[in-house]
Amino acid sequence: MNKTIEETKEYIGMWVTEDGYVRHELLPDNRYDEARGSRESAYQGRYIVSGNHIDYKDDTGFTADGEFKEGILYHGGMILYKEN
């Protein structure tokens, strides 16, 4: 049986859009740091992974979510791929 990304912790690391414009770094302490274009640390906050679902809450209170499917993160209309 396949394990969820929550169980494997394979979500930890850098996730990027194909063009590299958006970069989400999911840290092991359940914090994230998102860069957009040349703007480093554009958004920062906490995340919770449950199964293959991720919920974000940035430090300003904004919330968003996403799904991990077959090694790809679908979030806010974006598709992000894990960097090696």
Protein backbone atom coordinates (compact mmCIF):
# COMPACT_ATOMS: atom_id res chain seq x y z
CA MET A 1 0.00 0.00 0.00
CA ASN A 2 1.22 3.51 -0.84
CA LYS A 3 2.01 5.79 2.08
CA THR A 4 0.77 9.36 2.18
CA ILE A 5 3.22 12.21 1.80
CA GLU A 6 2.49 13.01 5.45
CA GLU A 7 3.81 9.59 6.47
CA THR A 8 6.92 9.72 4.29
CA LYS A 9 7.70 13.40 5.00
CA GLU A 10 8.69 13.74 1.32
CA TYR A 11 7.02 17.16 1.28
CA ILE A 12 9.97 18.72 3.16
CA GLY A 13 12.18 20.73 0.81
CA MET A 14 11.90 23.23 -2.03
CA TRP A 15 8.92 23.22 -4.40
CA VAL A 16 9.03 25.41 -7.52
CA THR A 17 6.81 26.33 -10.44
CA GLU A 18 8.07 25.23 -13.84
CA ASP A 19 9.29 28.77 -14.62
CA GLY A 20 10.94 29.08 -11.19
CA TYR A 21 8.97 32.22 -10.34
CA VAL A 22 7.28 30.82 -7.21
CA ARG A 23 9.38 28.86 -4.72
CA HIS A 24 7.96 27.29 -1.56
CA GLU A 25 10.44 25.96 0.94
CA LEU A 26 8.66 23.61 3.33
CA LEU A 27 10.81 23.36 6.44
CA PRO A 28 10.88 20.42 8.87
CA ASP A 29 9.52 22.58 11.72
CA ASN A 30 6.19 23.11 9.88
CA ARG A 31 7.19 26.60 8.74
CA TYR A 32 7.37 27.71 5.12
CA ASP A 33 9.14 30.48 3.26
CA GLU A 34 7.78 31.49 -0.15
CA ALA A 35 9.73 33.53 -2.69
CA ARG A 36 8.19 35.17 -5.76
CA GLY A 37 10.44 36.32 -8.55
CA SER A 38 13.31 38.33 -7.09
CA ARG A 39 11.37 38.86 -3.84
CA GLU A 40 12.83 36.48 -1.28
CA SER A 41 10.66 35.63 1.74
CA ALA A 42 7.59 37.23 0.12
CA TYR A 43 5.39 35.11 2.39
CA GLN A 44 6.18 33.14 5.52
CA GLY A 45 4.03 31.14 7.86
CA ARG A 46 3.03 27.72 9.13
CA TYR A 47 1.72 24.65 7.34
CA ILE A 48 0.07 21.39 8.33
CA VAL A 49 0.12 18.25 6.18
CA SER A 50 -2.72 15.77 6.63
CA GLY A 51 -2.56 12.75 4.34
CA ASN A 52 -1.77 14.33 0.95
CA HIS A 53 -3.40 17.68 1.80
CA ILE A 54 -1.55 20.81 2.95
CA ASP A 55 -3.03 23.83 4.75
CA TYR A 56 -1.07 27.08 4.88
CA LYS A 57 -1.50 30.04 7.22
CA ASP A 58 0.88 32.91 6.62
CA ASP A 59 2.06 35.22 9.37
CA THR A 60 -0.51 37.87 8.34
CA GLY A 61 -3.40 35.39 8.79
CA PHE A 62 -4.02 34.58 5.11
CA THR A 63 -4.91 30.92 4.53
CA ALA A 64 -4.59 28.63 1.52
CA ASP A 65 -4.36 24.94 0.81
CA GLY A 66 -3.12 22.40 -1.70
CA GLU A 67 -2.85 18.74 -2.63
CA PHE A 68 0.10 16.50 -3.33
CA LYS A 69 -0.60 14.12 -6.25
CA GLU A 70 2.00 11.81 -7.76
CA GLY A 71 4.93 13.92 -6.58
CA ILE A 72 3.43 17.27 -7.66
CA LEU A 73 2.02 20.01 -5.42
CA TYR A 74 -1.16 21.68 -6.67
CA HIS A 75 -1.63 24.96 -4.79
CA GLY A 76 -3.69 28.07 -5.55
CA GLY A 77 -3.94 27.36 -9.27
CA MET A 78 -0.19 26.70 -9.45
CA ILE A 79 1.69 23.49 -10.11
CA LEU A 80 4.91 23.07 -8.14
CA TYR A 81 7.60 20.43 -8.56
CA LYS A 82 10.03 19.28 -5.91
CA GLU A 83 13.64 20.28 -6.49
CA ASN A 84 16.24 17.57 -6.14
